[in-house]
Amino acid sequence: MNTNFSNNVVTLSGMVVGEPAFSHEVFGEKFYEVTLSVKRLSGMDDLLPISVSEHLLGDRFTDGAYLTIKGQFRSYNKTVGERSKLMLTVFVRDVFDYDETANPNTMELSGYICKPPVYRTTPFNREICDLLIAVNRQYNKSDYIPCIVWGRNARFASNLAVGEHVNIVGRAQSRNYQKKLPDETVVTRTAYEVSVSKISVVADDNTLAVKEL
């Protein structure tokens, strides 16, 4: 069981959007949800869900405030009607003053392929591969993190087998998409995932079996 959290590390710098809203309570500790707006190199914003405990909240997570956080990308199941939906959030472990000189969005994951990779091409012939990575967490729990791989990395990822151990470097991103409902209406929804810049396979002896692409 990994308890040093090095297999799931995310660092974000950005602006708080809105005020924190109470989410849930665990063993007397209250947790709140808030959105962090993080700039991409393109100038667009990723609007990412953040989960922060009451003892870290203070007065720093106010609408319009800039800050840097470090934590983990986590998943949980939420029941919606009769279905279970995979939800994603950045669980905050540390809060720092805003660092405008640092990369505003970095993530490192080490986990296991838990579904067959899905390789596809866009209408503009861009290669994409969708992965679902299981990342171990303390107390025998796992987080299931959707990842999207591009270009020649996508071709490499498409040949990975379920159960293979991989290291991933990338960034958290939000993406809007259109979904058609059974009554034929179309709604806009938001997906959260890791956009992968590097991926490598880890051998059983914990050495890299394949160089990073």
N, C-alpha and C. Protein backbone atom coordinates (compact mmCIF):
# COMPACT_ATOMS: atom_id res chain seq x y z
N MET A 1 0.84 -1.20 0.00
CA MET A 1 0.00 0.00 0.00
C MET A 1 0.87 1.24 0.00
N ASN A 2 0.66 2.15 -0.93
CA ASN A 2 1.45 3.37 -1.02
C ASN A 2 0.86 4.43 -0.11
N THR A 3 1.66 4.95 0.82
CA THR A 3 1.16 5.97 1.73
C THR A 3 1.94 7.27 1.63
N ASN A 4 2.91 7.36 0.70
CA ASN A 4 3.68 8.59 0.60
C ASN A 4 3.14 9.53 -0.48
N PHE A 5 2.07 9.12 -1.15
CA PHE A 5 1.34 9.96 -2.09
C PHE A 5 2.14 10.33 -3.34
N SER A 6 3.32 9.72 -3.55
CA SER A 6 4.13 10.08 -4.70
C SER A 6 3.58 9.53 -6.00
N ASN A 7 2.61 8.61 -5.94
CA ASN A 7 2.05 8.04 -7.16
C ASN A 7 0.90 8.89 -7.72
N ASN A 8 0.58 10.00 -7.06
CA ASN A 8 -0.52 10.84 -7.52
C ASN A 8 -0.27 12.25 -6.99
N VAL A 9 0.35 13.08 -7.83
CA VAL A 9 0.72 14.43 -7.40
C VAL A 9 0.26 15.43 -8.46
N VAL A 10 -0.52 16.41 -8.03
CA VAL A 10 -0.96 17.46 -8.94
C VAL A 10 -0.68 18.81 -8.29
N THR A 11 -0.15 19.75 -9.09
CA THR A 11 0.10 21.11 -8.63
C THR A 11 -0.59 22.08 -9.58
N LEU A 12 -1.41 22.97 -9.01
CA LEU A 12 -2.18 23.91 -9.82
C LEU A 12 -1.99 25.32 -9.27
N SER A 13 -1.91 26.29 -10.19
CA SER A 13 -1.89 27.70 -9.82
C SER A 13 -2.97 28.40 -10.62
N GLY A 14 -3.84 29.12 -9.93
CA GLY A 14 -4.91 29.77 -10.65
C GLY A 14 -5.78 30.63 -9.76
N MET A 15 -6.95 30.99 -10.30
CA MET A 15 -7.88 31.89 -9.63
C MET A 15 -9.11 31.13 -9.15
N VAL A 16 -9.50 31.40 -7.92
CA VAL A 16 -10.71 30.80 -7.36
C VAL A 16 -11.93 31.43 -8.03
N VAL A 17 -12.87 30.59 -8.45
CA VAL A 17 -14.11 31.06 -9.09
C VAL A 17 -15.28 30.70 -8.18
N GLY A 18 -15.96 31.70 -7.66
CA GLY A 18 -17.07 31.45 -6.76
C GLY A 18 -16.60 31.22 -5.33
N GLU A 19 -17.57 31.03 -4.45
CA GLU A 19 -17.26 30.79 -3.04
C GLU A 19 -17.35 29.30 -2.73
N PRO A 20 -16.59 28.81 -1.76
CA PRO A 20 -16.66 27.39 -1.39
C PRO A 20 -18.06 27.00 -0.95
N ALA A 21 -18.45 25.78 -1.32
CA ALA A 21 -19.75 25.24 -0.93
C ALA A 21 -19.52 23.95 -0.14
N PHE A 22 -20.26 23.77 0.94
CA PHE A 22 -20.10 22.58 1.75
C PHE A 22 -20.41 21.33 0.92
N SER A 23 -19.55 20.32 1.05
CA SER A 23 -19.71 19.08 0.30
C SER A 23 -20.13 17.92 1.19
N HIS A 24 -19.30 17.60 2.20
CA HIS A 24 -19.58 16.46 3.06
C HIS A 24 -18.73 16.54 4.32
N GLU A 25 -18.97 15.61 5.22
CA GLU A 25 -18.23 15.57 6.48
C GLU A 25 -17.75 14.15 6.74
N VAL A 26 -16.48 14.00 7.14
CA VAL A 26 -15.90 12.69 7.43
C VAL A 26 -15.25 12.75 8.81
N PHE A 27 -15.74 11.92 9.72
CA PHE A 27 -15.18 11.86 11.08
C PHE A 27 -15.06 13.26 11.70
N GLY A 28 -16.09 14.06 11.49
CA GLY A 28 -16.14 15.38 12.09
C GLY A 28 -15.41 16.46 11.32
N GLU A 29 -14.72 16.09 10.23
CA GLU A 29 -14.00 17.08 9.43
C GLU A 29 -14.85 17.45 8.21
N LYS A 30 -15.10 18.74 8.04
CA LYS A 30 -15.92 19.21 6.93
C LYS A 30 -15.07 19.48 5.70
N PHE A 31 -15.65 19.17 4.53
CA PHE A 31 -14.98 19.40 3.26
C PHE A 31 -15.85 20.28 2.38
N TYR A 32 -15.16 21.12 1.59
CA TYR A 32 -15.86 22.09 0.74
C TYR A 32 -15.38 21.94 -0.70
N GLU A 33 -16.27 22.30 -1.63
CA GLU A 33 -15.96 22.27 -3.05
C GLU A 33 -15.86 23.69 -3.59
N VAL A 34 -14.92 23.90 -4.49
CA VAL A 34 -14.76 25.20 -5.14
C VAL A 34 -14.13 24.95 -6.50
N THR A 35 -14.21 25.92 -7.40
CA THR A 35 -13.63 25.79 -8.74
C THR A 35 -12.38 26.65 -8.84
N LEU A 36 -11.34 26.08 -9.46
CA LEU A 36 -10.11 26.83 -9.72
C LEU A 36 -9.93 26.99 -11.22
N SER A 37 -9.75 28.23 -11.65
CA SER A 37 -9.53 28.54 -13.07
C SER A 37 -8.02 28.59 -13.32
N VAL A 38 -7.54 27.69 -14.21
CA VAL A 38 -6.10 27.56 -14.48
C VAL A 38 -5.85 27.85 -15.95
N LYS A 39 -4.94 28.78 -16.23
CA LYS A 39 -4.64 29.18 -17.61
C LYS A 39 -3.85 28.11 -18.35
N ARG A 40 -4.21 27.88 -19.61
CA ARG A 40 -3.40 27.09 -20.53
C ARG A 40 -2.44 28.00 -21.28
N LEU A 41 -1.46 27.39 -21.95
CA LEU A 41 -0.55 28.18 -22.77
C LEU A 41 -1.29 28.89 -23.89
N SER A 42 -2.41 28.31 -24.32
CA SER A 42 -3.21 28.90 -25.40
C SER A 42 -3.98 30.13 -24.94
N GLY A 43 -4.01 30.36 -23.61
CA GLY A 43 -4.80 31.46 -23.08
C GLY A 43 -6.17 31.06 -22.62
N MET A 44 -6.62 29.85 -22.99
CA MET A 44 -7.90 29.34 -22.51
C MET A 44 -7.77 28.92 -21.05
N ASP A 45 -8.92 28.74 -20.39
CA ASP A 45 -8.93 28.35 -18.99
C ASP A 45 -9.46 26.93 -18.82
N ASP A 46 -8.82 26.17 -17.92
CA ASP A 46 -9.41 24.93 -17.43
C ASP A 46 -10.10 25.26 -16.11
N LEU A 47 -11.37 24.91 -16.00
CA LEU A 47 -12.14 25.13 -14.77
C LEU A 47 -12.22 23.81 -14.03
N LEU A 48 -11.43 23.68 -12.96
CA LEU A 48 -11.22 22.39 -12.31
C LEU A 48 -11.86 22.35 -10.93
N PRO A 49 -12.52 21.23 -10.61
CA PRO A 49 -13.16 21.09 -9.29
C PRO A 49 -12.12 20.80 -8.22
N ILE A 50 -12.23 21.52 -7.10
CA ILE A 50 -11.28 21.40 -5.99
C ILE A 50 -12.04 20.98 -4.74
N SER A 51 -11.46 20.07 -3.97
CA SER A 51 -12.02 19.67 -2.68
C SER A 51 -11.02 20.02 -1.59
N VAL A 52 -11.45 20.81 -0.60
CA VAL A 52 -10.54 21.29 0.43
C VAL A 52 -11.17 21.13 1.80
N SER A 53 -10.38 20.70 2.78
CA SER A 53 -10.88 20.51 4.13
C SER A 53 -11.02 21.85 4.84
N GLU A 54 -11.84 21.84 5.89
CA GLU A 54 -12.11 23.08 6.63
C GLU A 54 -10.84 23.67 7.23
N HIS A 55 -9.91 22.82 7.69
CA HIS A 55 -8.72 23.36 8.35
C HIS A 55 -7.74 23.99 7.37
N LEU A 56 -7.88 23.72 6.06
CA LEU A 56 -7.05 24.39 5.05
C LEU A 56 -7.77 25.57 4.40
N LEU A 57 -9.07 25.64 4.62
CA LEU A 57 -9.89 26.61 3.90
C LEU A 57 -9.52 28.05 4.27
N GLY A 58 -9.56 28.35 5.55
CA GLY A 58 -9.26 29.70 6.01
C GLY A 58 -10.03 30.75 5.22
N ASP A 59 -9.34 31.85 4.90
CA ASP A 59 -9.97 32.89 4.08
C ASP A 59 -9.27 33.03 2.73
N ARG A 60 -8.55 31.96 2.33
CA ARG A 60 -7.77 32.04 1.10
C ARG A 60 -8.60 31.66 -0.13
N PHE A 61 -9.61 30.82 0.04
CA PHE A 61 -10.41 30.34 -1.09
C PHE A 61 -11.63 31.24 -1.29
N THR A 62 -11.38 32.49 -1.58
CA THR A 62 -12.46 33.43 -1.84
C THR A 62 -12.50 33.77 -3.33
N ASP A 63 -13.65 34.13 -3.81
CA ASP A 63 -13.85 34.41 -5.23
C ASP A 63 -12.84 35.46 -5.71
N GLY A 64 -12.08 35.11 -6.76
CA GLY A 64 -11.12 36.03 -7.35
C GLY A 64 -9.73 35.93 -6.77
N ALA A 65 -9.54 35.13 -5.71
CA ALA A 65 -8.22 35.00 -5.10
C ALA A 65 -7.33 34.12 -5.96
N TYR A 66 -6.03 34.45 -6.01
CA TYR A 66 -5.05 33.64 -6.73
C TYR A 66 -4.23 32.84 -5.71
N LEU A 67 -4.04 31.56 -5.99
CA LEU A 67 -3.26 30.73 -5.09
C LEU A 67 -2.70 29.52 -5.83
N THR A 68 -1.79 28.84 -5.18
CA THR A 68 -1.20 27.61 -5.70
C THR A 68 -1.53 26.48 -4.73
N ILE A 69 -1.96 25.34 -5.27
CA ILE A 69 -2.31 24.20 -4.43
C ILE A 69 -1.54 22.97 -4.88
N LYS A 70 -1.35 22.06 -3.96
CA LYS A 70 -0.75 20.77 -4.27
C LYS A 70 -1.62 19.69 -3.65
N GLY A 71 -1.88 18.62 -4.41
CA GLY A 71 -2.74 17.57 -3.89
C GLY A 71 -2.76 16.35 -4.78
N GLN A 72 -3.93 15.72 -4.84
CA GLN A 72 -4.10 14.50 -5.62
C GLN A 72 -5.36 14.60 -6.48
N PHE A 73 -5.33 13.98 -7.66
CA PHE A 73 -6.50 13.88 -8.51
C PHE A 73 -7.26 12.63 -8.08
N ARG A 74 -8.45 12.80 -7.55
CA ARG A 74 -9.19 11.68 -6.98
C ARG A 74 -10.53 11.48 -7.69
N SER A 75 -11.05 10.26 -7.54
CA SER A 75 -12.35 9.92 -8.12
C SER A 75 -13.25 9.36 -7.04
N TYR A 76 -14.55 9.51 -7.27
CA TYR A 76 -15.54 8.88 -6.40
C TYR A 76 -16.80 8.65 -7.22
N ASN A 77 -17.62 7.73 -6.77
CA ASN A 77 -18.86 7.41 -7.47
C ASN A 77 -20.03 8.17 -6.85
N LYS A 78 -20.83 8.79 -7.68
CA LYS A 78 -22.00 9.52 -7.24
C LYS A 78 -23.23 8.92 -7.90
N THR A 79 -24.25 8.62 -7.11
CA THR A 79 -25.47 8.04 -7.66
C THR A 79 -26.35 9.14 -8.25
N VAL A 80 -26.64 9.01 -9.54
CA VAL A 80 -27.51 9.96 -10.23
C VAL A 80 -28.68 9.16 -10.80
N GLY A 81 -29.86 9.30 -10.18
CA GLY A 81 -30.99 8.46 -10.57
C GLY A 81 -30.70 7.02 -10.21
N GLU A 82 -30.72 6.15 -11.21
CA GLU A 82 -30.43 4.74 -10.98
C GLU A 82 -29.02 4.37 -11.45
N ARG A 83 -28.23 5.37 -11.82
CA ARG A 83 -26.90 5.10 -12.35
C ARG A 83 -25.83 5.66 -11.42
N SER A 84 -24.64 5.06 -11.51
CA SER A 84 -23.49 5.54 -10.76
C SER A 84 -22.57 6.29 -11.72
N LYS A 85 -22.20 7.50 -11.36
CA LYS A 85 -21.39 8.35 -12.22
C LYS A 85 -20.03 8.58 -11.58
N LEU A 86 -18.96 8.44 -12.38
CA LEU A 86 -17.61 8.69 -11.90
C LEU A 86 -17.36 10.19 -11.84
N MET A 87 -17.05 10.68 -10.63
CA MET A 87 -16.78 12.10 -10.42
C MET A 87 -15.30 12.28 -10.11
N LEU A 88 -14.75 13.42 -10.52
CA LEU A 88 -13.33 13.69 -10.31
C LEU A 88 -13.14 15.03 -9.60
N THR A 89 -12.14 15.09 -8.74
CA THR A 89 -11.84 16.33 -8.04
C THR A 89 -10.37 16.35 -7.65
N VAL A 90 -9.83 17.54 -7.48
CA VAL A 90 -8.47 17.68 -6.97
C VAL A 90 -8.56 17.85 -5.46
N PHE A 91 -8.06 16.86 -4.73
CA PHE A 91 -8.08 16.88 -3.27
C PHE A 91 -6.86 17.65 -2.77
N VAL A 92 -7.10 18.76 -2.09
CA VAL A 92 -6.03 19.67 -1.69
C VAL A 92 -5.32 19.16 -0.43
N ARG A 93 -3.99 19.10 -0.49
CA ARG A 93 -3.16 18.74 0.67
C ARG A 93 -2.38 19.94 1.22
N ASP A 94 -1.99 20.86 0.34
CA ASP A 94 -1.24 22.04 0.77
C ASP A 94 -1.68 23.24 -0.04
N VAL A 95 -1.63 24.41 0.57
CA VAL A 95 -1.98 25.67 -0.09
C VAL A 95 -0.80 26.62 0.06
N PHE A 96 -0.45 27.31 -1.06
CA PHE A 96 0.69 28.22 -1.06
C PHE A 96 0.29 29.56 -1.68
N ASP A 97 1.13 30.57 -1.46
CA ASP A 97 0.94 31.83 -2.17
C ASP A 97 1.07 31.57 -3.67
N TYR A 98 0.36 32.35 -4.45
CA TYR A 98 0.34 32.18 -5.90
C TYR A 98 1.74 32.36 -6.48
N ASP A 99 2.17 31.40 -7.27
CA ASP A 99 3.50 31.44 -7.92
C ASP A 99 3.30 31.59 -9.42
N GLU A 100 3.44 32.82 -9.91
CA GLU A 100 3.19 33.08 -11.33
C GLU A 100 4.35 32.63 -12.21
N THR A 101 5.48 32.25 -11.61
CA THR A 101 6.64 31.82 -12.40
C THR A 101 6.64 30.32 -12.67
N ALA A 102 5.86 29.56 -11.92
CA ALA A 102 5.87 28.10 -12.04
C ALA A 102 4.88 27.64 -13.12
N ASN A 103 5.09 26.42 -13.60
CA ASN A 103 4.11 25.80 -14.49
C ASN A 103 2.79 25.72 -13.73
N PRO A 104 1.69 26.30 -14.25
CA PRO A 104 0.45 26.37 -13.48
C PRO A 104 -0.33 25.07 -13.37
N ASN A 105 0.09 24.04 -14.11
CA ASN A 105 -0.73 22.83 -14.14
C ASN A 105 0.16 21.62 -14.45
N THR A 106 0.53 20.88 -13.43
CA THR A 106 1.37 19.69 -13.62
C THR A 106 0.77 18.51 -12.87
N MET A 107 0.95 17.32 -13.41
CA MET A 107 0.43 16.12 -12.78
C MET A 107 1.35 14.95 -13.07
N GLU A 108 1.58 14.12 -12.06
CA GLU A 108 2.33 12.88 -12.21
C GLU A 108 1.53 11.76 -11.56
N LEU A 109 1.28 10.69 -12.34
CA LEU A 109 0.52 9.54 -11.86
C LEU A 109 1.31 8.27 -12.10
N SER A 110 1.15 7.31 -11.21
CA SER A 110 1.67 5.97 -11.42
C SER A 110 0.56 5.00 -11.07
N GLY A 111 0.11 4.22 -12.08
CA GLY A 111 -1.03 3.34 -11.85
C GLY A 111 -1.11 2.25 -12.89
N TYR A 112 -2.29 1.65 -13.00
CA TYR A 112 -2.46 0.46 -13.80
C TYR A 112 -3.59 0.63 -14.81
N ILE A 113 -3.35 0.17 -16.04
CA ILE A 113 -4.40 0.19 -17.06
C ILE A 113 -5.53 -0.72 -16.60
N CYS A 114 -6.75 -0.18 -16.48
CA CYS A 114 -7.85 -1.01 -15.96
C CYS A 114 -8.97 -1.24 -16.97
N LYS A 115 -8.84 -0.68 -18.19
CA LYS A 115 -9.77 -0.97 -19.28
C LYS A 115 -8.97 -0.99 -20.57
N PRO A 116 -9.42 -1.74 -21.57
CA PRO A 116 -8.70 -1.73 -22.86
C PRO A 116 -8.61 -0.31 -23.42
N PRO A 117 -7.44 0.11 -23.90
CA PRO A 117 -7.31 1.45 -24.49
C PRO A 117 -8.24 1.61 -25.69
N VAL A 118 -8.72 2.82 -25.89
CA VAL A 118 -9.60 3.13 -27.03
C VAL A 118 -8.88 4.12 -27.93
N TYR A 119 -8.47 3.63 -29.10
CA TYR A 119 -7.74 4.46 -30.07
C TYR A 119 -8.72 4.99 -31.11
N ARG A 120 -8.57 6.27 -31.46
CA ARG A 120 -9.47 6.87 -32.45
C ARG A 120 -8.76 8.04 -33.12
N THR A 121 -9.36 8.55 -34.18
CA THR A 121 -8.85 9.75 -34.84
C THR A 121 -9.98 10.78 -34.92
N THR A 122 -9.61 12.04 -34.86
CA THR A 122 -10.58 13.12 -34.95
C THR A 122 -10.92 13.37 -36.42
N PRO A 123 -11.96 14.17 -36.68
CA PRO A 123 -12.26 14.52 -38.08
C PRO A 123 -11.09 15.19 -38.80
N PHE A 124 -10.14 15.75 -38.03
CA PHE A 124 -8.97 16.38 -38.63
C PHE A 124 -7.77 15.44 -38.59
N ASN A 125 -8.04 14.13 -38.42
CA ASN A 125 -7.02 13.07 -38.44
C ASN A 125 -5.99 13.20 -37.32
N ARG A 126 -6.38 13.77 -36.21
CA ARG A 126 -5.50 13.79 -35.05
C ARG A 126 -5.71 12.49 -34.27
N GLU A 127 -4.60 11.83 -33.91
CA GLU A 127 -4.68 10.55 -33.22
C GLU A 127 -4.87 10.75 -31.72
N ILE A 128 -5.80 9.98 -31.15
CA ILE A 128 -6.14 10.08 -29.73
C ILE A 128 -6.30 8.67 -29.17
N CYS A 129 -5.87 8.48 -27.94
CA CYS A 129 -6.12 7.21 -27.24
C CYS A 129 -6.63 7.53 -25.84
N ASP A 130 -7.76 6.93 -25.47
CA ASP A 130 -8.35 7.11 -24.15
C ASP A 130 -7.91 5.97 -23.24
N LEU A 131 -7.42 6.32 -22.05
CA LEU A 131 -7.01 5.34 -21.06
C LEU A 131 -7.75 5.59 -19.75
N LEU A 132 -7.99 4.53 -19.00
CA LEU A 132 -8.49 4.65 -17.64
C LEU A 132 -7.45 4.01 -16.73
N ILE A 133 -6.89 4.83 -15.82
CA ILE A 133 -5.79 4.40 -14.96
C ILE A 133 -6.28 4.25 -13.52
N ALA A 134 -6.01 3.11 -12.91
CA ALA A 134 -6.30 2.90 -11.49
C ALA A 134 -5.05 3.25 -10.69
N VAL A 135 -5.18 4.22 -9.80
CA VAL A 135 -4.06 4.68 -8.98
C VAL A 135 -4.34 4.31 -7.52
N ASN A 136 -3.45 3.54 -6.93
CA ASN A 136 -3.66 3.08 -5.55
C ASN A 136 -3.57 4.25 -4.57
N ARG A 137 -4.42 4.14 -3.54
CA ARG A 137 -4.45 5.13 -2.47
C ARG A 137 -4.45 4.40 -1.13
N GLN A 138 -4.14 5.09 -0.05
CA GLN A 138 -4.11 4.46 1.26
C GLN A 138 -5.49 3.91 1.63
N TYR A 139 -5.50 3.03 2.61
CA TYR A 139 -6.71 2.34 3.08
C TYR A 139 -7.31 1.43 2.00
N ASN A 140 -6.42 0.88 1.14
CA ASN A 140 -6.82 -0.07 0.10
C ASN A 140 -7.86 0.50 -0.87
N LYS A 141 -7.80 1.79 -1.11
CA LYS A 141 -8.69 2.42 -2.08
C LYS A 141 -7.92 2.71 -3.36
N SER A 142 -8.66 2.97 -4.43
CA SER A 142 -8.05 3.33 -5.71
C SER A 142 -8.83 4.48 -6.34
N ASP A 143 -8.12 5.33 -7.05
CA ASP A 143 -8.74 6.37 -7.85
C ASP A 143 -8.67 5.97 -9.32
N TYR A 144 -9.77 6.19 -10.04
CA TYR A 144 -9.85 5.81 -11.46
C TYR A 144 -9.83 7.09 -12.29
N ILE A 145 -8.71 7.29 -12.98
CA ILE A 145 -8.44 8.57 -13.62
C ILE A 145 -8.48 8.43 -15.15
N PRO A 146 -9.42 9.11 -15.82
CA PRO A 146 -9.43 9.11 -17.29
C PRO A 146 -8.25 9.92 -17.82
N CYS A 147 -7.58 9.39 -18.82
CA CYS A 147 -6.44 10.06 -19.44
C CYS A 147 -6.62 10.07 -20.95
N ILE A 148 -6.15 11.13 -21.58
CA ILE A 148 -6.23 11.23 -23.03
C ILE A 148 -4.81 11.45 -23.57
N VAL A 149 -4.42 10.60 -24.52
CA VAL A 149 -3.06 10.59 -25.06
C VAL A 149 -3.12 10.99 -26.53
N TRP A 150 -2.10 11.73 -27.00
CA TRP A 150 -2.15 12.31 -28.32
C TRP A 150 -1.00 11.82 -29.23
N GLY A 151 -1.24 11.90 -30.55
CA GLY A 151 -0.19 11.69 -31.54
C GLY A 151 0.49 10.33 -31.45
N ARG A 152 1.82 10.32 -31.56
CA ARG A 152 2.53 9.04 -31.53
C ARG A 152 2.44 8.39 -30.17
N ASN A 153 2.27 9.20 -29.11
CA ASN A 153 2.01 8.62 -27.79
C ASN A 153 0.71 7.82 -27.80
N ALA A 154 -0.27 8.29 -28.58
CA ALA A 154 -1.55 7.58 -28.66
C ALA A 154 -1.36 6.21 -29.30
N ARG A 155 -0.53 6.14 -30.34
CA ARG A 155 -0.27 4.84 -30.97
C ARG A 155 0.42 3.90 -29.99
N PHE A 156 1.38 4.43 -29.23
CA PHE A 156 2.06 3.64 -28.21
C PHE A 156 1.07 3.14 -27.16
N ALA A 157 0.22 4.04 -26.66
CA ALA A 157 -0.72 3.69 -25.60
C ALA A 157 -1.77 2.69 -26.07
N SER A 158 -2.10 2.72 -27.36
CA SER A 158 -3.14 1.81 -27.87
C SER A 158 -2.73 0.35 -27.77
N ASN A 159 -1.44 0.08 -27.64
CA ASN A 159 -0.94 -1.30 -27.56
C ASN A 159 -0.73 -1.78 -26.12
N LEU A 160 -1.07 -0.95 -25.15
CA LEU A 160 -0.90 -1.35 -23.75
C LEU A 160 -1.99 -2.33 -23.35
N ALA A 161 -1.64 -3.25 -22.47
CA ALA A 161 -2.57 -4.28 -22.02
C ALA A 161 -3.16 -3.90 -20.66
N VAL A 162 -4.37 -4.39 -20.41
CA VAL A 162 -4.99 -4.21 -19.10
C VAL A 162 -4.08 -4.82 -18.04
N GLY A 163 -3.84 -4.08 -16.97
CA GLY A 163 -2.97 -4.56 -15.89
C GLY A 163 -1.57 -4.02 -15.94
N GLU A 164 -1.16 -3.42 -17.09
CA GLU A 164 0.20 -2.89 -17.18
C GLU A 164 0.35 -1.66 -16.29
N HIS A 165 1.52 -1.58 -15.67
CA HIS A 165 1.87 -0.48 -14.77
C HIS A 165 2.51 0.64 -15.59
N VAL A 166 1.96 1.84 -15.48
CA VAL A 166 2.47 2.96 -16.27
C VAL A 166 2.72 4.18 -15.39
N ASN A 167 3.70 4.97 -15.81
CA ASN A 167 3.93 6.31 -15.25
C ASN A 167 3.44 7.33 -16.27
N ILE A 168 2.77 8.36 -15.78
CA ILE A 168 2.19 9.37 -16.66
C ILE A 168 2.54 10.76 -16.15
N VAL A 169 2.92 11.63 -17.08
CA VAL A 169 3.13 13.04 -16.80
C VAL A 169 2.18 13.83 -17.69
N GLY A 170 1.51 14.81 -17.14
CA GLY A 170 0.58 15.60 -17.95
C GLY A 170 0.00 16.74 -17.16
N ARG A 171 -1.23 17.11 -17.51
CA ARG A 171 -1.92 18.19 -16.82
C ARG A 171 -3.40 17.86 -16.71
N ALA A 172 -4.04 18.42 -15.71
CA ALA A 172 -5.49 18.25 -15.56
C ALA A 172 -6.19 19.20 -16.52
N GLN A 173 -7.26 18.72 -17.13
CA GLN A 173 -7.99 19.62 -18.03
C GLN A 173 -9.49 19.39 -17.91
N SER A 174 -10.23 20.43 -18.26
CA SER A 174 -11.68 20.34 -18.37
C SER A 174 -12.03 20.46 -19.85
N ARG A 175 -13.09 19.75 -20.23
CA ARG A 175 -13.47 19.73 -21.65
C ARG A 175 -15.00 19.65 -21.75
N ASN A 176 -15.59 20.60 -22.48
CA ASN A 176 -17.03 20.56 -22.71
C ASN A 176 -17.36 19.67 -23.90
N TYR A 177 -18.46 18.95 -23.81
CA TYR A 177 -18.90 18.11 -24.93
C TYR A 177 -20.42 18.08 -24.97
N GLN A 178 -20.94 17.68 -26.12
CA GLN A 178 -22.39 17.61 -26.33
C GLN A 178 -22.87 16.17 -26.16
N LYS A 179 -23.94 16.00 -25.41
CA LYS A 179 -24.51 14.67 -25.21
C LYS A 179 -26.00 14.69 -25.55
N LYS A 180 -26.42 13.72 -26.39
CA LYS A 180 -27.83 13.61 -26.76
C LYS A 180 -28.55 12.71 -25.77
N LEU A 181 -29.61 13.21 -25.18
CA LEU A 181 -30.39 12.46 -24.21
C LEU A 181 -31.43 11.59 -24.90
N PRO A 182 -32.03 10.61 -24.18
CA PRO A 182 -33.02 9.73 -24.80
C PRO A 182 -34.20 10.46 -25.44
N ASP A 183 -34.52 11.66 -24.91
CA ASP A 183 -35.64 12.42 -25.49
C ASP A 183 -35.20 13.29 -26.66
N GLU A 184 -33.96 13.05 -27.16
CA GLU A 184 -33.39 13.73 -28.32
C GLU A 184 -32.89 15.14 -28.03
N THR A 185 -33.04 15.63 -26.82
CA THR A 185 -32.47 16.93 -26.49
C THR A 185 -30.96 16.79 -26.33
N VAL A 186 -30.25 17.88 -26.60
CA VAL A 186 -28.79 17.88 -26.51
C VAL A 186 -28.37 18.81 -25.37
N VAL A 187 -27.51 18.30 -24.49
CA VAL A 187 -27.04 19.10 -23.36
C VAL A 187 -25.51 19.20 -23.42
N THR A 188 -24.99 20.28 -22.86
CA THR A 188 -23.54 20.46 -22.76
C THR A 188 -23.07 19.98 -21.39
N ARG A 189 -22.10 19.10 -21.39
CA ARG A 189 -21.56 18.59 -20.14
C ARG A 189 -20.05 18.80 -20.12
N THR A 190 -19.46 18.67 -18.94
CA THR A 190 -18.03 18.88 -18.77
C THR A 190 -17.35 17.60 -18.32
N ALA A 191 -16.26 17.24 -19.00
CA ALA A 191 -15.46 16.09 -18.61
C ALA A 191 -14.14 16.60 -18.03
N TYR A 192 -13.63 15.86 -17.04
CA TYR A 192 -12.33 16.17 -16.45
C TYR A 192 -11.42 14.99 -16.68
N GLU A 193 -10.18 15.26 -17.07
CA GLU A 193 -9.27 14.18 -17.45
C GLU A 193 -7.84 14.68 -17.38
N VAL A 194 -6.90 13.77 -17.61
CA VAL A 194 -5.48 14.13 -17.68
C VAL A 194 -5.06 14.14 -19.14
N SER A 195 -4.53 15.26 -19.60
CA SER A 195 -3.95 15.34 -20.94
C SER A 195 -2.49 14.92 -20.80
N VAL A 196 -2.13 13.80 -21.43
CA VAL A 196 -0.83 13.15 -21.21
C VAL A 196 0.23 13.73 -22.14
N SER A 197 1.38 14.11 -21.55
CA SER A 197 2.52 14.55 -22.36
C SER A 197 3.61 13.48 -22.44
N LYS A 198 3.73 12.65 -21.39
CA LYS A 198 4.71 11.56 -21.38
C LYS A 198 4.07 10.33 -20.75
N ILE A 199 4.41 9.16 -21.29
CA ILE A 199 3.91 7.91 -20.73
C ILE A 199 5.00 6.85 -20.85
N SER A 200 5.17 6.04 -19.83
CA SER A 200 6.17 4.98 -19.84
C SER A 200 5.63 3.78 -19.08
N VAL A 201 6.14 2.61 -19.43
CA VAL A 201 5.73 1.37 -18.78
C VAL A 201 6.73 1.02 -17.69
N VAL A 202 6.23 0.57 -16.54
CA VAL A 202 7.07 0.18 -15.42
C VAL A 202 7.13 -1.34 -15.35
N ALA A 203 8.34 -1.90 -15.32
CA ALA A 203 8.50 -3.35 -15.22
C ALA A 203 8.20 -3.80 -13.80
N ASP A 204 8.11 -5.12 -13.62
CA ASP A 204 7.76 -5.69 -12.31
C ASP A 204 8.76 -5.32 -11.24
N ASP A 205 10.02 -5.08 -11.62
CA ASP A 205 11.04 -4.73 -10.63
C ASP A 205 11.11 -3.23 -10.41
N ASN A 206 10.04 -2.52 -10.91
CA ASN A 206 9.89 -1.08 -10.72
C ASN A 206 10.90 -0.25 -11.51
N THR A 207 11.49 -0.84 -12.55
CA THR A 207 12.33 -0.08 -13.47
C THR A 207 11.54 0.24 -14.71
N LEU A 208 11.96 1.25 -15.47
CA LEU A 208 11.23 1.62 -16.68
C LEU A 208 11.53 0.61 -17.77
N ALA A 209 10.47 -0.05 -18.27
CA ALA A 209 10.66 -1.03 -19.32
C ALA A 209 10.70 -0.37 -20.69
N VAL A 210 10.06 0.80 -20.80
CA VAL A 210 10.03 1.53 -22.07
C VAL A 210 10.35 2.98 -21.78
N LYS A 211 11.20 3.58 -22.58
CA LYS A 211 11.54 4.98 -22.37
C LYS A 211 10.32 5.85 -22.56
N GLU A 212 10.33 6.98 -21.87
CA GLU A 212 9.22 7.94 -22.03
C GLU A 212 9.16 8.39 -23.47
N LEU A 213 7.93 8.53 -23.94
CA LEU A 213 7.74 9.00 -25.32
C LEU A 213 7.38 10.48 -25.31
